[in-house]
Amino acid sequence: MVDFDSTEPTGLETVFQSVDPLRVRMACDLLRQGGIEAFIFDYESSRMLGSTSAIESRLMVHADCVQEARSRLRELGFTEPAARK
């Protein structure tokens, strides 16, 4: 969870990505229901191009929630790899 008392900003990291924006939206909703603040990047760009692999939608969470988010996504069957650094 996010520590609101901290003065240091936490960055966002990709925990899931897919060419299917619906799968990313479902994963985001599941994380949010579990209390993890999640954000979708590149959703509209991915939707405009359909299911081409040109632009993938990315599911982002705060850096301090990455492990918990990835664990929950694996349990729920969202196993596509996150972005490569």
C-alpha atoms as a PDB file:
ATOM      1  CA  MET A   1       0.000   0.000   0.000  1.00  0.00           C
ATOM      2  CA  VAL A   2       1.028   3.590  -0.474  1.00  0.00           C
ATOM      3  CA  ASP A   3       2.536   5.358   2.535  1.00  0.00           C
ATOM      4  CA  PHE A   4       0.845   8.750   2.501  1.00  0.00           C
ATOM      5  CA  ASP A   5       3.058  10.024   5.344  1.00  0.00           C
ATOM      6  CA  SER A   6       6.228   9.579   3.306  1.00  0.00           C
ATOM      7  CA  THR A   7       7.765  12.674   1.751  1.00  0.00           C
ATOM      8  CA  GLU A   8       9.482  10.661  -0.988  1.00  0.00           C
ATOM      9  CA  PRO A   9       7.474  10.104  -4.177  1.00  0.00           C
ATOM     10  CA  THR A  10       7.182   6.535  -5.363  1.00  0.00           C
ATOM     11  CA  GLY A  11       7.567   5.814  -9.035  1.00  0.00           C
ATOM     12  CA  LEU A  12       5.276   3.675 -11.121  1.00  0.00           C
ATOM     13  CA  GLU A  13       6.284   0.317 -12.577  1.00  0.00           C
ATOM     14  CA  THR A  14       4.671  -1.896 -15.174  1.00  0.00           C
ATOM     15  CA  VAL A  15       3.241  -5.124 -13.748  1.00  0.00           C
ATOM     16  CA  PHE A  16       1.246  -6.290 -16.772  1.00  0.00           C
ATOM     17  CA  GLN A  17       0.938  -5.406 -20.436  1.00  0.00           C
ATOM     18  CA  SER A  18      -1.027  -6.746 -23.352  1.00  0.00           C
ATOM     19  CA  VAL A  19      -2.118  -5.889 -26.878  1.00  0.00           C
ATOM     20  CA  ASP A  20      -5.644  -6.620 -25.625  1.00  0.00           C
ATOM     21  CA  PRO A  21      -6.763  -3.504 -23.714  1.00  0.00           C
ATOM     22  CA  LEU A  22      -9.725  -5.388 -22.257  1.00  0.00           C
ATOM     23  CA  ARG A  23      -7.394  -7.807 -20.419  1.00  0.00           C
ATOM     24  CA  VAL A  24      -5.447  -4.865 -19.017  1.00  0.00           C
ATOM     25  CA  ARG A  25      -8.698  -3.200 -17.885  1.00  0.00           C
ATOM     26  CA  MET A  26      -9.809  -6.451 -16.173  1.00  0.00           C
ATOM     27  CA  ALA A  27      -6.455  -6.823 -14.408  1.00  0.00           C
ATOM     28  CA  CYS A  28      -6.613  -3.190 -13.280  1.00  0.00           C
ATOM     29  CA  ASP A  29     -10.115  -3.612 -11.868  1.00  0.00           C
ATOM     30  CA  LEU A  30      -9.083  -6.753  -9.975  1.00  0.00           C
ATOM     31  CA  LEU A  31      -6.086  -5.010  -8.403  1.00  0.00           C
ATOM     32  CA  ARG A  32      -8.194  -2.012  -7.416  1.00  0.00           C
ATOM     33  CA  GLN A  33     -10.786  -4.276  -5.809  1.00  0.00           C
ATOM     34  CA  GLY A  34      -7.928  -5.782  -3.806  1.00  0.00           C
ATOM     35  CA  GLY A  35      -6.857  -2.362  -2.539  1.00  0.00           C
ATOM     36  CA  ILE A  36      -3.909  -1.758  -4.877  1.00  0.00           C
ATOM     37  CA  GLU A  37      -3.932   1.583  -6.671  1.00  0.00           C
ATOM     38  CA  ALA A  38      -3.401   0.829 -10.361  1.00  0.00           C
ATOM     39  CA  PHE A  39      -3.187   2.933 -13.519  1.00  0.00           C
ATOM     40  CA  ILE A  40      -3.510   2.114 -17.216  1.00  0.00           C
ATOM     41  CA  PHE A  41      -1.121   3.689 -19.710  1.00  0.00           C
ATOM     42  CA  ASP A  42      -1.495   3.673 -23.521  1.00  0.00           C
ATOM     43  CA  TYR A  43      -5.079   2.348 -23.350  1.00  0.00           C
ATOM     44  CA  GLU A  44      -6.513   4.617 -26.053  1.00  0.00           C
ATOM     45  CA  SER A  45      -3.518   4.186 -28.351  1.00  0.00           C
ATOM     46  CA  SER A  46      -3.788   0.428 -28.118  1.00  0.00           C
ATOM     47  CA  ARG A  47      -7.542   0.507 -28.717  1.00  0.00           C
ATOM     48  CA  MET A  48      -7.220   2.695 -31.816  1.00  0.00           C
ATOM     49  CA  LEU A  49      -4.842   0.228 -33.451  1.00  0.00           C
ATOM     50  CA  GLY A  50      -6.876  -2.852 -32.573  1.00  0.00           C
ATOM     51  CA  SER A  51      -5.008  -6.010 -31.678  1.00  0.00           C
ATOM     52  CA  THR A  52      -1.802  -5.162 -33.524  1.00  0.00           C
ATOM     53  CA  SER A  53       1.316  -5.464 -31.434  1.00  0.00           C
ATOM     54  CA  ALA A  54       2.400  -1.903 -32.235  1.00  0.00           C
ATOM     55  CA  ILE A  55       1.312  -0.442 -28.889  1.00  0.00           C
ATOM     56  CA  GLU A  56       0.481  -2.448 -25.793  1.00  0.00           C
ATOM     57  CA  SER A  57      -1.633  -1.186 -22.918  1.00  0.00           C
ATOM     58  CA  ARG A  58       0.366  -1.176 -19.688  1.00  0.00           C
ATOM     59  CA  LEU A  59      -0.851  -1.683 -16.134  1.00  0.00           C
ATOM     60  CA  MET A  60       1.186   0.382 -13.687  1.00  0.00           C
ATOM     61  CA  VAL A  61       1.342   0.369  -9.879  1.00  0.00           C
ATOM     62  CA  HIS A  62       3.394   2.253  -7.304  1.00  0.00           C
ATOM     63  CA  ALA A  63       6.895   0.813  -6.901  1.00  0.00           C
ATOM     64  CA  ASP A  64       6.251  -0.289  -3.335  1.00  0.00           C
ATOM     65  CA  CYS A  65       3.274  -2.435  -4.453  1.00  0.00           C
ATOM     66  CA  VAL A  66       4.929  -4.241  -7.377  1.00  0.00           C
ATOM     67  CA  GLN A  67       5.537  -7.607  -5.711  1.00  0.00           C
ATOM     68  CA  GLU A  68       2.043  -7.826  -4.234  1.00  0.00           C
ATOM     69  CA  ALA A  69       0.436  -6.776  -7.537  1.00  0.00           C
ATOM     70  CA  ARG A  70       2.413  -9.321  -9.580  1.00  0.00           C
ATOM     71  CA  SER A  71       1.601 -12.053  -7.085  1.00  0.00           C
ATOM     72  CA  ARG A  72      -2.127 -11.309  -7.255  1.00  0.00           C
ATOM     73  CA  LEU A  73      -2.079 -11.143 -11.041  1.00  0.00           C
ATOM     74  CA  ARG A  74      -0.341 -14.543 -11.249  1.00  0.00           C
ATOM     75  CA  GLU A  75      -2.969 -16.038  -8.918  1.00  0.00           C
ATOM     76  CA  LEU A  76      -5.690 -14.688 -11.199  1.00  0.00           C
ATOM     77  CA  GLY A  77      -4.094 -16.023 -14.396  1.00  0.00           C
ATOM     78  CA  PHE A  78      -2.618 -12.808 -15.803  1.00  0.00           C
ATOM     79  CA  THR A  79       0.804 -14.198 -16.685  1.00  0.00           C
ATOM     80  CA  GLU A  80       1.950 -12.142 -19.683  1.00  0.00           C
ATOM     81  CA  PRO A  81       5.360 -10.609 -18.953  1.00  0.00           C
ATOM     82  CA  ALA A  82       5.713  -6.999 -17.878  1.00  0.00           C
ATOM     83  CA  ALA A  83       7.777  -4.509 -19.820  1.00  0.00           C
ATOM     84  CA  ARG A  84      11.447  -5.214 -20.251  1.00  0.00           C
ATOM     85  CA  LYS A  85      13.829  -2.606 -18.902  1.00  0.00           C
END
